[in-house]
Amino acid sequence: MKNFFFLLFLTCMLHSAKGQDKGKHIDLILVIDEQISQSISGVKIIVRNGDSTKTLEPLYYPGNLTFNEGELDLLTDKSTTSIFLEFRTAVYKPKDEYRFYKIEMKKQWLADYYNIIKIYNLNNKKYQNQFDAPKNGDKYVYELASPSNSFLIIRKKPVR
């Protein structure tokens, strides 16, 4: 019974804290090698407007990318020419390492109810056999699934 009241108290606190949140968010799920990633850090959004570049540091947790007041408007501004999502993940097997990702986002993605970005690391033998390496030298490829802006990477072999 104590656990029930503790959970009720915690839920009320979270709702009141969320009510005070003045930021805006994008529903975003990052799936890396077919797993929803929970070890994402160093999230940055690089926004280019003509000659200027601005770096935003939104809060990310699985399913949500939260911006400070006014930052989301910068992403959708007419003068914004490109948007990049940068982040890193910690990988502990077979050895401890960080992997860095940089994904170009499109303005129209921001208008969708949600976005699911699926990333496949080409260091993983399973994905080396499925995808061609990008010409820019990255060791990963990505796909997008959303209600109106989905795209898939062409596979070398059918997925089983």
Protein backbone atom coordinates (compact mmCIF):
# COMPACT_ATOMS: atom_id res chain seq x y z
CA MET A 1 0.00 0.00 0.00
CA LYS A 2 2.93 2.35 0.72
CA ASN A 3 4.20 1.79 -2.83
CA PHE A 4 0.80 2.78 -4.23
CA PHE A 5 0.80 6.12 -2.38
CA PHE A 6 4.42 6.76 -3.30
CA LEU A 7 3.62 6.17 -7.00
CA LEU A 8 0.54 8.39 -6.73
CA PHE A 9 2.63 11.15 -5.11
CA LEU A 10 5.36 10.79 -7.75
CA THR A 11 2.79 10.95 -10.57
CA CYS A 12 1.25 14.13 -9.14
CA MET A 13 4.70 15.73 -8.83
CA LEU A 14 5.56 14.85 -12.42
CA HIS A 15 2.28 16.29 -13.71
CA SER A 16 2.77 19.54 -11.81
CA ALA A 17 6.38 19.81 -13.03
CA LYS A 18 5.27 19.14 -16.60
CA GLY A 19 2.62 21.85 -16.28
CA GLN A 20 5.39 24.35 -15.52
CA ASP A 21 7.39 23.34 -18.58
CA LYS A 22 7.57 26.35 -20.91
CA GLY A 23 9.41 24.52 -23.67
CA LYS A 24 8.09 22.81 -26.76
CA HIS A 25 8.89 19.32 -27.91
CA ILE A 26 9.13 16.99 -30.87
CA ASP A 27 8.08 13.36 -30.49
CA LEU A 28 11.23 11.55 -31.59
CA ILE A 29 12.32 7.97 -31.09
CA LEU A 30 15.89 6.94 -31.93
CA VAL A 31 16.29 3.25 -32.72
CA ILE A 32 19.87 2.06 -33.06
CA ASP A 33 20.53 -1.43 -34.39
CA GLU A 34 16.88 -2.34 -33.83
CA GLN A 35 16.86 -1.25 -30.15
CA ILE A 36 15.33 1.92 -28.71
CA SER A 37 18.41 3.69 -27.46
CA GLN A 38 18.41 4.76 -23.82
CA SER A 39 22.07 5.79 -23.55
CA ILE A 40 22.01 8.94 -25.68
CA SER A 41 24.00 11.97 -24.58
CA GLY A 42 25.46 15.18 -25.96
CA VAL A 43 22.35 15.95 -28.00
CA LYS A 44 22.75 19.05 -30.15
CA ILE A 45 20.76 20.62 -32.93
CA ILE A 46 22.85 22.63 -35.39
CA VAL A 47 20.73 25.23 -37.19
CA ARG A 48 22.08 27.10 -40.21
CA ASN A 49 20.45 30.33 -41.38
CA GLY A 50 22.35 31.64 -44.36
CA ASP A 51 25.76 32.63 -43.00
CA SER A 52 25.02 32.08 -39.31
CA THR A 53 25.02 28.84 -37.32
CA LYS A 54 23.34 28.31 -33.96
CA THR A 55 23.74 25.30 -31.68
CA LEU A 56 20.79 24.24 -29.52
CA GLU A 57 21.04 21.70 -26.70
CA PRO A 58 17.58 20.20 -26.24
CA LEU A 59 16.74 17.58 -23.61
CA TYR A 60 16.24 14.10 -25.04
CA TYR A 61 14.68 11.04 -23.53
CA PRO A 62 13.24 8.16 -25.56
CA GLY A 63 10.25 9.56 -27.41
CA ASN A 64 10.80 13.24 -26.65
CA LEU A 65 13.11 16.05 -27.74
CA THR A 66 12.34 19.16 -25.64
CA PHE A 67 13.45 22.68 -26.56
CA ASN A 68 13.56 25.92 -24.59
CA GLU A 69 10.97 28.57 -25.36
CA GLY A 70 11.42 29.98 -28.88
CA GLU A 71 14.01 27.44 -30.04
CA LEU A 72 11.53 25.29 -31.95
CA ASP A 73 10.40 28.40 -33.86
CA LEU A 74 14.01 28.86 -35.01
CA LEU A 75 13.93 25.40 -36.62
CA THR A 76 10.85 26.20 -38.68
CA ASP A 77 11.85 29.77 -39.57
CA LYS A 78 11.85 30.58 -43.31
CA SER A 79 15.51 31.60 -43.21
CA THR A 80 16.66 28.23 -41.80
CA THR A 81 18.55 26.41 -44.54
CA SER A 82 19.62 23.21 -42.74
CA ILE A 83 19.11 21.35 -39.47
CA PHE A 84 21.38 18.64 -38.09
CA LEU A 85 20.79 16.39 -35.09
CA GLU A 86 24.05 15.34 -33.39
CA PHE A 87 24.41 12.93 -30.47
CA ARG A 88 26.49 10.09 -29.12
CA THR A 89 25.72 6.73 -27.57
CA ALA A 90 27.70 4.54 -25.24
CA VAL A 91 28.37 0.98 -26.37
CA TYR A 92 29.74 -1.48 -23.84
CA LYS A 93 30.04 -4.73 -25.82
CA PRO A 94 32.31 -6.03 -27.27
CA LYS A 95 34.36 -3.08 -25.96
CA ASP A 96 33.52 0.24 -24.30
CA GLU A 97 33.23 3.06 -26.82
CA TYR A 98 31.19 6.07 -27.90
CA ARG A 99 29.55 6.30 -31.29
CA PHE A 100 28.82 9.69 -32.79
CA TYR A 101 25.95 10.42 -35.14
CA LYS A 102 25.00 13.40 -37.28
CA ILE A 103 21.64 13.27 -39.03
CA GLU A 104 20.26 15.91 -41.35
CA MET A 105 16.67 16.70 -40.41
CA LYS A 106 14.12 18.21 -42.75
CA LYS A 107 11.71 20.98 -41.75
CA GLN A 108 8.71 18.93 -42.83
CA TRP A 109 9.64 16.25 -40.27
CA LEU A 110 8.96 18.77 -37.51
CA ALA A 111 5.31 19.07 -38.56
CA ASP A 112 4.61 15.34 -38.09
CA TYR A 113 3.04 13.90 -34.95
CA TYR A 114 6.13 11.77 -34.39
CA ASN A 115 9.38 10.68 -36.05
CA ILE A 116 11.19 7.39 -35.67
CA ILE A 117 14.79 7.45 -36.86
CA LYS A 118 16.26 3.98 -37.34
CA ILE A 119 20.06 3.86 -37.42
CA TYR A 120 22.08 0.85 -38.57
CA ASN A 121 25.79 0.66 -37.71
CA LEU A 122 27.84 -0.72 -40.54
CA ASN A 123 30.47 -1.90 -38.03
CA ASN A 124 27.94 -4.61 -37.23
CA LYS A 125 28.43 -7.49 -39.68
CA LYS A 126 24.67 -8.01 -39.92
CA TYR A 127 24.18 -4.55 -41.42
CA GLN A 128 27.33 -4.59 -43.60
CA ASN A 129 25.63 -7.30 -45.63
CA GLN A 130 22.36 -5.39 -45.89
CA PHE A 131 23.42 -1.82 -46.73
CA ASP A 132 25.97 -0.05 -48.90
CA ALA A 133 28.30 2.32 -47.04
CA PRO A 134 27.49 6.00 -47.53
CA LYS A 135 29.78 7.94 -49.87
CA ASN A 136 30.51 10.53 -47.15
CA GLY A 137 32.46 7.92 -45.12
CA ASP A 138 29.97 7.53 -42.25
CA LYS A 139 29.87 4.10 -40.63
CA TYR A 140 26.07 4.14 -40.33
CA VAL A 141 22.93 4.62 -42.40
CA TYR A 142 19.51 5.78 -41.23
CA GLU A 143 15.85 5.61 -42.16
CA LEU A 144 12.83 7.64 -41.12
CA ALA A 145 9.36 6.45 -40.26
CA SER A 146 6.64 9.02 -39.63
CA PRO A 147 3.00 9.53 -40.62
CA SER A 148 3.78 11.53 -43.76
CA ASN A 149 7.57 11.65 -44.41
CA SER A 150 8.96 8.12 -44.37
CA PHE A 151 11.98 6.91 -46.32
CA LEU A 152 13.84 3.62 -46.36
CA ILE A 153 17.38 2.72 -47.40
CA ILE A 154 17.66 0.22 -50.25
CA ARG A 155 18.88 -3.12 -48.94
CA LYS A 156 21.37 -5.38 -50.72
CA LYS A 157 19.62 -8.52 -49.48
CA PRO A 158 16.09 -9.09 -48.20
CA VAL A 159 15.64 -8.90 -44.42
CA ARG A 160 14.73 -12.24 -42.80
